[in-house]
mmCIF file of all heavy atoms, coordinates in Angstrom:
data_MODEL
# 
_entry.id   MODEL 
# 
loop_
_atom_site.group_PDB 
_atom_site.id 
_atom_site.type_symbol 
_atom_site.label_atom_id 
_atom_site.label_alt_id 
_atom_site.label_comp_id 
_atom_site.label_asym_id 
_atom_site.label_entity_id 
_atom_site.label_seq_id 
_atom_site.pdbx_PDB_ins_code 
_atom_site.Cartn_x 
_atom_site.Cartn_y 
_atom_site.Cartn_z 
_atom_site.occupancy 
_atom_site.B_iso_or_equiv 
_atom_site.pdbx_formal_charge 
_atom_site.auth_seq_id 
_atom_site.auth_comp_id 
_atom_site.auth_asym_id 
_atom_site.auth_atom_id 
_atom_site.pdbx_PDB_model_num 
ATOM 1   N N   . LEU A 1 1  ? 84.567  116.840 108.513 1.00 0.00 ? 1  LEU A N   1 
ATOM 2   C CA  . LEU A 1 1  ? 85.969  116.762 108.893 1.00 0.00 ? 1  LEU A CA  1 
ATOM 3   C C   . LEU A 1 1  ? 86.712  115.746 108.038 1.00 0.00 ? 1  LEU A C   1 
ATOM 4   O O   . LEU A 1 1  ? 87.800  116.015 107.537 1.00 0.00 ? 1  LEU A O   1 
ATOM 5   C CB  . LEU A 1 1  ? 86.099  116.389 110.374 1.00 0.00 ? 1  LEU A CB  1 
ATOM 6   C CG  . LEU A 1 1  ? 87.515  116.226 110.907 1.00 0.00 ? 1  LEU A CG  1 
ATOM 7   C CD1 . LEU A 1 1  ? 88.268  117.543 110.817 1.00 0.00 ? 1  LEU A CD1 1 
ATOM 8   C CD2 . LEU A 1 1  ? 87.477  115.737 112.332 1.00 0.00 ? 1  LEU A CD2 1 
ATOM 9   N N   . ILE A 1 2  ? 86.115  114.595 107.827 1.00 0.00 ? 2  ILE A N   1 
ATOM 10  C CA  . ILE A 1 2  ? 86.749  113.554 107.019 1.00 0.00 ? 2  ILE A CA  1 
ATOM 11  C C   . ILE A 1 2  ? 86.928  114.029 105.589 1.00 0.00 ? 2  ILE A C   1 
ATOM 12  O O   . ILE A 1 2  ? 87.982  113.843 104.984 1.00 0.00 ? 2  ILE A O   1 
ATOM 13  C CB  . ILE A 1 2  ? 85.943  112.242 107.077 1.00 0.00 ? 2  ILE A CB  1 
ATOM 14  C CG1 . ILE A 1 2  ? 86.042  111.653 108.482 1.00 0.00 ? 2  ILE A CG1 1 
ATOM 15  C CG2 . ILE A 1 2  ? 86.411  111.239 106.037 1.00 0.00 ? 2  ILE A CG2 1 
ATOM 16  C CD1 . ILE A 1 2  ? 85.071  110.525 108.750 1.00 0.00 ? 2  ILE A CD1 1 
ATOM 17  N N   . THR A 1 3  ? 85.934  114.665 105.040 1.00 0.00 ? 3  THR A N   1 
ATOM 18  C CA  . THR A 1 3  ? 86.033  115.188 103.677 1.00 0.00 ? 3  THR A CA  1 
ATOM 19  C C   . THR A 1 3  ? 87.127  116.238 103.593 1.00 0.00 ? 3  THR A C   1 
ATOM 20  O O   . THR A 1 3  ? 87.935  116.231 102.656 1.00 0.00 ? 3  THR A O   1 
ATOM 21  C CB  . THR A 1 3  ? 84.680  115.799 103.239 1.00 0.00 ? 3  THR A CB  1 
ATOM 22  O OG1 . THR A 1 3  ? 83.686  114.777 103.345 1.00 0.00 ? 3  THR A OG1 1 
ATOM 23  C CG2 . THR A 1 3  ? 84.749  116.305 101.814 1.00 0.00 ? 3  THR A CG2 1 
ATOM 24  N N   . THR A 1 4  ? 87.181  117.125 104.576 1.00 0.00 ? 4  THR A N   1 
ATOM 25  C CA  . THR A 1 4  ? 88.206  118.167 104.590 1.00 0.00 ? 4  THR A CA  1 
ATOM 26  C C   . THR A 1 4  ? 89.587  117.565 104.703 1.00 0.00 ? 4  THR A C   1 
ATOM 27  O O   . THR A 1 4  ? 90.509  117.947 103.974 1.00 0.00 ? 4  THR A O   1 
ATOM 28  C CB  . THR A 1 4  ? 87.966  119.149 105.765 1.00 0.00 ? 4  THR A CB  1 
ATOM 29  O OG1 . THR A 1 4  ? 86.656  119.686 105.626 1.00 0.00 ? 4  THR A OG1 1 
ATOM 30  C CG2 . THR A 1 4  ? 88.987  120.257 105.774 1.00 0.00 ? 4  THR A CG2 1 
ATOM 31  N N   . VAL A 1 5  ? 89.753  116.603 105.596 1.00 0.00 ? 5  VAL A N   1 
ATOM 32  C CA  . VAL A 1 5  ? 91.044  115.953 105.781 1.00 0.00 ? 5  VAL A CA  1 
ATOM 33  C C   . VAL A 1 5  ? 91.453  115.239 104.498 1.00 0.00 ? 5  VAL A C   1 
ATOM 34  O O   . VAL A 1 5  ? 92.605  115.326 104.077 1.00 0.00 ? 5  VAL A O   1 
ATOM 35  C CB  . VAL A 1 5  ? 91.000  114.971 106.971 1.00 0.00 ? 5  VAL A CB  1 
ATOM 36  C CG1 . VAL A 1 5  ? 92.222  114.074 106.985 1.00 0.00 ? 5  VAL A CG1 1 
ATOM 37  C CG2 . VAL A 1 5  ? 90.883  115.728 108.274 1.00 0.00 ? 5  VAL A CG2 1 
ATOM 38  N N   . SER A 1 6  ? 90.523  114.558 103.866 1.00 0.00 ? 6  SER A N   1 
ATOM 39  C CA  . SER A 1 6  ? 90.824  113.859 102.615 1.00 0.00 ? 6  SER A CA  1 
ATOM 40  C C   . SER A 1 6  ? 91.246  114.846 101.540 1.00 0.00 ? 6  SER A C   1 
ATOM 41  O O   . SER A 1 6  ? 92.193  114.600 100.799 1.00 0.00 ? 6  SER A O   1 
ATOM 42  C CB  . SER A 1 6  ? 89.618  113.062 102.132 1.00 0.00 ? 6  SER A CB  1 
ATOM 43  O OG  . SER A 1 6  ? 89.289  112.080 103.068 1.00 0.00 ? 6  SER A OG  1 
ATOM 44  N N   . PHE A 1 7  ? 90.553  115.967 101.456 1.00 0.00 ? 7  PHE A N   1 
ATOM 45  C CA  . PHE A 1 7  ? 90.880  116.990 100.472 1.00 0.00 ? 7  PHE A CA  1 
ATOM 46  C C   . PHE A 1 7  ? 92.269  117.556 100.740 1.00 0.00 ? 7  PHE A C   1 
ATOM 47  O O   . PHE A 1 7  ? 93.088  117.672 99.830  1.00 0.00 ? 7  PHE A O   1 
ATOM 48  C CB  . PHE A 1 7  ? 89.831  118.115 100.505 1.00 0.00 ? 7  PHE A CB  1 
ATOM 49  C CG  . PHE A 1 7  ? 90.116  119.234 99.542  1.00 0.00 ? 7  PHE A CG  1 
ATOM 50  C CD1 . PHE A 1 7  ? 89.882  119.068 98.189  1.00 0.00 ? 7  PHE A CD1 1 
ATOM 51  C CD2 . PHE A 1 7  ? 90.650  120.431 99.987  1.00 0.00 ? 7  PHE A CD2 1 
ATOM 52  C CE1 . PHE A 1 7  ? 90.149  120.088 97.304  1.00 0.00 ? 7  PHE A CE1 1 
ATOM 53  C CE2 . PHE A 1 7  ? 90.924  121.449 99.111  1.00 0.00 ? 7  PHE A CE2 1 
ATOM 54  C CZ  . PHE A 1 7  ? 90.678  121.287 97.761  1.00 0.00 ? 7  PHE A CZ  1 
ATOM 55  N N   . ILE A 1 8  ? 92.558  117.852 102.004 1.00 0.00 ? 8  ILE A N   1 
ATOM 56  C CA  . ILE A 1 8  ? 93.861  118.397 102.366 1.00 0.00 ? 8  ILE A CA  1 
ATOM 57  C C   . ILE A 1 8  ? 94.946  117.371 102.063 1.00 0.00 ? 8  ILE A C   1 
ATOM 58  O O   . ILE A 1 8  ? 95.986  117.698 101.505 1.00 0.00 ? 8  ILE A O   1 
ATOM 59  C CB  . ILE A 1 8  ? 93.889  118.812 103.855 1.00 0.00 ? 8  ILE A CB  1 
ATOM 60  C CG1 . ILE A 1 8  ? 93.003  120.040 104.066 1.00 0.00 ? 8  ILE A CG1 1 
ATOM 61  C CG2 . ILE A 1 8  ? 95.313  119.098 104.322 1.00 0.00 ? 8  ILE A CG2 1 
ATOM 62  C CD1 . ILE A 1 8  ? 92.738  120.362 105.535 1.00 0.00 ? 8  ILE A CD1 1 
ATOM 63  N N   . ALA A 1 9  ? 94.701  116.120 102.433 1.00 0.00 ? 9  ALA A N   1 
ATOM 64  C CA  . ALA A 1 9  ? 95.690  115.067 102.205 1.00 0.00 ? 9  ALA A CA  1 
ATOM 65  C C   . ALA A 1 9  ? 95.973  114.906 100.718 1.00 0.00 ? 9  ALA A C   1 
ATOM 66  O O   . ALA A 1 9  ? 97.119  114.760 100.313 1.00 0.00 ? 9  ALA A O   1 
ATOM 67  C CB  . ALA A 1 9  ? 95.221  113.747 102.798 1.00 0.00 ? 9  ALA A CB  1 
ATOM 68  N N   . CYS A 1 10 ? 94.944  114.946 99.886  1.00 0.00 ? 10 CYS A N   1 
ATOM 69  C CA  . CYS A 1 10 ? 95.137  114.800 98.440  1.00 0.00 ? 10 CYS A CA  1 
ATOM 70  C C   . CYS A 1 10 ? 95.885  115.990 97.858  1.00 0.00 ? 10 CYS A C   1 
ATOM 71  O O   . CYS A 1 10 ? 96.735  115.846 97.002  1.00 0.00 ? 10 CYS A O   1 
ATOM 72  C CB  . CYS A 1 10 ? 93.792  114.648 97.728  1.00 0.00 ? 10 CYS A CB  1 
ATOM 73  S SG  . CYS A 1 10 ? 92.999  113.068 98.060  1.00 0.00 ? 10 CYS A SG  1 
ATOM 74  N N   . ASN A 1 11 ? 95.554  117.189 98.318  1.00 0.00 ? 11 ASN A N   1 
ATOM 75  C CA  . ASN A 1 11 ? 96.173  118.381 97.766  1.00 0.00 ? 11 ASN A CA  1 
ATOM 76  C C   . ASN A 1 11 ? 97.563  118.650 98.309  1.00 0.00 ? 11 ASN A C   1 
ATOM 77  O O   . ASN A 1 11 ? 98.304  119.413 97.717  1.00 0.00 ? 11 ASN A O   1 
ATOM 78  C CB  . ASN A 1 11 ? 95.288  119.608 98.016  1.00 0.00 ? 11 ASN A CB  1 
ATOM 79  C CG  . ASN A 1 11 ? 94.085  119.599 97.110  1.00 0.00 ? 11 ASN A CG  1 
ATOM 80  O OD1 . ASN A 1 11 ? 94.176  119.153 95.978  1.00 0.00 ? 11 ASN A OD1 1 
ATOM 81  N ND2 . ASN A 1 11 ? 92.962  120.060 97.607  1.00 0.00 ? 11 ASN A ND2 1 
ATOM 82  N N   . SER A 1 12 ? 97.931  118.030 99.417  1.00 0.00 ? 12 SER A N   1 
ATOM 83  C CA  . SER A 1 12 ? 99.255  118.272 99.966  1.00 0.00 ? 12 SER A CA  1 
ATOM 84  C C   . SER A 1 12 ? 100.228 117.159 99.605  1.00 0.00 ? 12 SER A C   1 
ATOM 85  O O   . SER A 1 12 ? 101.339 117.139 100.086 1.00 0.00 ? 12 SER A O   1 
ATOM 86  C CB  . SER A 1 12 ? 99.176  118.408 101.486 1.00 0.00 ? 12 SER A CB  1 
ATOM 87  O OG  . SER A 1 12 ? 98.794  117.187 102.064 1.00 0.00 ? 12 SER A OG  1 
ATOM 88  N N   . SER A 1 13 ? 99.814  116.243 98.735  1.00 0.00 ? 13 SER A N   1 
ATOM 89  C CA  . SER A 1 13 ? 100.652 115.098 98.422  1.00 0.00 ? 13 SER A CA  1 
ATOM 90  C C   . SER A 1 13 ? 101.966 115.505 97.765  1.00 0.00 ? 13 SER A C   1 
ATOM 91  O O   . SER A 1 13 ? 102.941 114.776 97.857  1.00 0.00 ? 13 SER A O   1 
ATOM 92  C CB  . SER A 1 13 ? 99.908  114.103 97.542  1.00 0.00 ? 13 SER A CB  1 
ATOM 93  O OG  . SER A 1 13 ? 99.572  114.694 96.315  1.00 0.00 ? 13 SER A OG  1 
ATOM 94  N N   . ALA A 1 14 ? 102.014 116.656 97.130  1.00 0.00 ? 14 ALA A N   1 
ATOM 95  C CA  . ALA A 1 14 ? 103.255 117.105 96.530  1.00 0.00 ? 14 ALA A CA  1 
ATOM 96  C C   . ALA A 1 14 ? 104.274 117.467 97.606  1.00 0.00 ? 14 ALA A C   1 
ATOM 97  O O   . ALA A 1 14 ? 105.474 117.391 97.376  1.00 0.00 ? 14 ALA A O   1 
ATOM 98  C CB  . ALA A 1 14 ? 103.002 118.312 95.625  1.00 0.00 ? 14 ALA A CB  1 
ATOM 99  N N   . ASN A 1 15 ? 103.804 117.847 98.775  1.00 0.00 ? 15 ASN A N   1 
ATOM 100 C CA  . ASN A 1 15 ? 104.695 118.268 99.843  1.00 0.00 ? 15 ASN A CA  1 
ATOM 101 C C   . ASN A 1 15 ? 104.877 117.204 100.915 1.00 0.00 ? 15 ASN A C   1 
ATOM 102 O O   . ASN A 1 15 ? 105.803 117.284 101.704 1.00 0.00 ? 15 ASN A O   1 
ATOM 103 C CB  . ASN A 1 15 ? 104.147 119.541 100.505 1.00 0.00 ? 15 ASN A CB  1 
ATOM 104 C CG  . ASN A 1 15 ? 104.066 120.696 99.530  1.00 0.00 ? 15 ASN A CG  1 
ATOM 105 O OD1 . ASN A 1 15 ? 104.880 120.808 98.640  1.00 0.00 ? 15 ASN A OD1 1 
ATOM 106 N ND2 . ASN A 1 15 ? 103.075 121.537 99.698  1.00 0.00 ? 15 ASN A ND2 1 
ATOM 107 N N   . THR A 1 16 ? 103.994 116.239 101.003 1.00 0.00 ? 16 THR A N   1 
ATOM 108 C CA  . THR A 1 16 ? 104.012 115.250 102.072 1.00 0.00 ? 16 THR A CA  1 
ATOM 109 C C   . THR A 1 16 ? 103.828 113.871 101.473 1.00 0.00 ? 16 THR A C   1 
ATOM 110 O O   . THR A 1 16 ? 102.978 113.684 100.615 1.00 0.00 ? 16 THR A O   1 
ATOM 111 C CB  . THR A 1 16 ? 102.854 115.531 103.055 1.00 0.00 ? 16 THR A CB  1 
ATOM 112 O OG1 . THR A 1 16 ? 102.930 116.880 103.491 1.00 0.00 ? 16 THR A OG1 1 
ATOM 113 C CG2 . THR A 1 16 ? 102.924 114.617 104.241 1.00 0.00 ? 16 THR A CG2 1 
ATOM 114 N N   . ASP A 1 17 ? 104.636 112.918 101.954 1.00 0.00 ? 17 ASP A N   1 
ATOM 115 C CA  . ASP A 1 17 ? 104.430 111.577 101.415 1.00 0.00 ? 17 ASP A CA  1 
ATOM 116 C C   . ASP A 1 17 ? 103.136 110.977 101.960 1.00 0.00 ? 17 ASP A C   1 
ATOM 117 O O   . ASP A 1 17 ? 102.543 111.479 102.908 1.00 0.00 ? 17 ASP A O   1 
ATOM 118 C CB  . ASP A 1 17 ? 105.655 110.682 101.607 1.00 0.00 ? 17 ASP A CB  1 
ATOM 119 C CG  . ASP A 1 17 ? 105.849 110.115 103.003 1.00 0.00 ? 17 ASP A CG  1 
ATOM 120 O OD1 . ASP A 1 17 ? 104.905 110.111 103.807 1.00 0.00 ? 17 ASP A OD1 1 
ATOM 121 O OD2 . ASP A 1 17 ? 106.963 109.649 103.281 1.00 0.00 ? 17 ASP A OD2 1 
ATOM 122 N N   . SER A 1 18 ? 102.680 109.930 101.324 1.00 0.00 ? 18 SER A N   1 
ATOM 123 C CA  . SER A 1 18 ? 101.379 109.331 101.613 1.00 0.00 ? 18 SER A CA  1 
ATOM 124 C C   . SER A 1 18 ? 101.282 108.799 103.040 1.00 0.00 ? 18 SER A C   1 
ATOM 125 O O   . SER A 1 18 ? 100.228 108.877 103.663 1.00 0.00 ? 18 SER A O   1 
ATOM 126 C CB  . SER A 1 18 ? 101.122 108.212 100.608 1.00 0.00 ? 18 SER A CB  1 
ATOM 127 O OG  . SER A 1 18 ? 99.890  107.605 100.840 1.00 0.00 ? 18 SER A OG  1 
ATOM 128 N N   . VAL A 1 19 ? 102.369 108.265 103.567 1.00 0.00 ? 19 VAL A N   1 
ATOM 129 C CA  . VAL A 1 19 ? 102.353 107.728 104.926 1.00 0.00 ? 19 VAL A CA  1 
ATOM 130 C C   . VAL A 1 19 ? 102.171 108.863 105.928 1.00 0.00 ? 19 VAL A C   1 
ATOM 131 O O   . VAL A 1 19 ? 101.361 108.766 106.855 1.00 0.00 ? 19 VAL A O   1 
ATOM 132 C CB  . VAL A 1 19 ? 103.636 106.919 105.211 1.00 0.00 ? 19 VAL A CB  1 
ATOM 133 C CG1 . VAL A 1 19 ? 103.724 106.506 106.671 1.00 0.00 ? 19 VAL A CG1 1 
ATOM 134 C CG2 . VAL A 1 19 ? 103.693 105.695 104.294 1.00 0.00 ? 19 VAL A CG2 1 
ATOM 135 N N   . THR A 1 20 ? 102.894 109.957 105.732 1.00 0.00 ? 20 THR A N   1 
ATOM 136 C CA  . THR A 1 20 ? 102.758 111.116 106.613 1.00 0.00 ? 20 THR A CA  1 
ATOM 137 C C   . THR A 1 20 ? 101.355 111.694 106.520 1.00 0.00 ? 20 THR A C   1 
ATOM 138 O O   . THR A 1 20 ? 100.750 112.057 107.534 1.00 0.00 ? 20 THR A O   1 
ATOM 139 C CB  . THR A 1 20 ? 103.813 112.186 106.268 1.00 0.00 ? 20 THR A CB  1 
ATOM 140 O OG1 . THR A 1 20 ? 105.111 111.597 106.383 1.00 0.00 ? 20 THR A OG1 1 
ATOM 141 C CG2 . THR A 1 20 ? 103.712 113.381 107.197 1.00 0.00 ? 20 THR A CG2 1 
ATOM 142 N N   . ALA A 1 21 ? 100.807 111.762 105.308 1.00 0.00 ? 21 ALA A N   1 
ATOM 143 C CA  . ALA A 1 21 ? 99.446  112.278 105.133 1.00 0.00 ? 21 ALA A CA  1 
ATOM 144 C C   . ALA A 1 21 ? 98.432  111.400 105.868 1.00 0.00 ? 21 ALA A C   1 
ATOM 145 O O   . ALA A 1 21 ? 97.508  111.909 106.511 1.00 0.00 ? 21 ALA A O   1 
ATOM 146 C CB  . ALA A 1 21 ? 99.099  112.357 103.648 1.00 0.00 ? 21 ALA A CB  1 
ATOM 147 N N   . ALA A 1 22 ? 98.612  110.071 105.806 1.00 0.00 ? 22 ALA A N   1 
ATOM 148 C CA  . ALA A 1 22 ? 97.705  109.160 106.521 1.00 0.00 ? 22 ALA A CA  1 
ATOM 149 C C   . ALA A 1 22 ? 97.823  109.357 108.028 1.00 0.00 ? 22 ALA A C   1 
ATOM 150 O O   . ALA A 1 22 ? 96.815  109.413 108.737 1.00 0.00 ? 22 ALA A O   1 
ATOM 151 C CB  . ALA A 1 22 ? 98.006  107.712 106.145 1.00 0.00 ? 22 ALA A CB  1 
ATOM 152 N N   . LYS A 1 23 ? 99.049  109.498 108.518 1.00 0.00 ? 23 LYS A N   1 
ATOM 153 C CA  . LYS A 1 23 ? 99.257  109.728 109.958 1.00 0.00 ? 23 LYS A CA  1 
ATOM 154 C C   . LYS A 1 23 ? 98.595  111.037 110.388 1.00 0.00 ? 23 LYS A C   1 
ATOM 155 O O   . LYS A 1 23 ? 97.944  111.097 111.436 1.00 0.00 ? 23 LYS A O   1 
ATOM 156 C CB  . LYS A 1 23 ? 100.747 109.755 110.287 1.00 0.00 ? 23 LYS A CB  1 
ATOM 157 C CG  . LYS A 1 23 ? 101.406 108.400 110.228 1.00 0.00 ? 23 LYS A CG  1 
ATOM 158 C CD  . LYS A 1 23 ? 102.899 108.494 110.509 1.00 0.00 ? 23 LYS A CD  1 
ATOM 159 C CE  . LYS A 1 23 ? 103.573 107.144 110.400 1.00 0.00 ? 23 LYS A CE  1 
ATOM 160 N NZ  . LYS A 1 23 ? 105.028 107.238 110.592 1.00 0.00 ? 23 LYS A NZ  1 
ATOM 161 N N   . ASP A 1 24 ? 98.762  112.085 109.589 1.00 0.00 ? 24 ASP A N   1 
ATOM 162 C CA  . ASP A 1 24 ? 98.154  113.381 109.914 1.00 0.00 ? 24 ASP A CA  1 
ATOM 163 C C   . ASP A 1 24 ? 96.635  113.288 109.916 1.00 0.00 ? 24 ASP A C   1 
ATOM 164 O O   . ASP A 1 24 ? 95.965  113.823 110.803 1.00 0.00 ? 24 ASP A O   1 
ATOM 165 C CB  . ASP A 1 24 ? 98.611  114.458 108.921 1.00 0.00 ? 24 ASP A CB  1 
ATOM 166 C CG  . ASP A 1 24 ? 100.081 114.804 109.048 1.00 0.00 ? 24 ASP A CG  1 
ATOM 167 O OD1 . ASP A 1 24 ? 100.719 114.407 110.061 1.00 0.00 ? 24 ASP A OD1 1 
ATOM 168 O OD2 . ASP A 1 24 ? 100.613 115.460 108.132 1.00 0.00 ? 24 ASP A OD2 1 
# 
């Protein structure tokens, strides 16, 4: 789950700022 979340967070950075990605 952590790996998946990290992958999603890294790949969605163009659409979501880093703070929102961390919160998600």
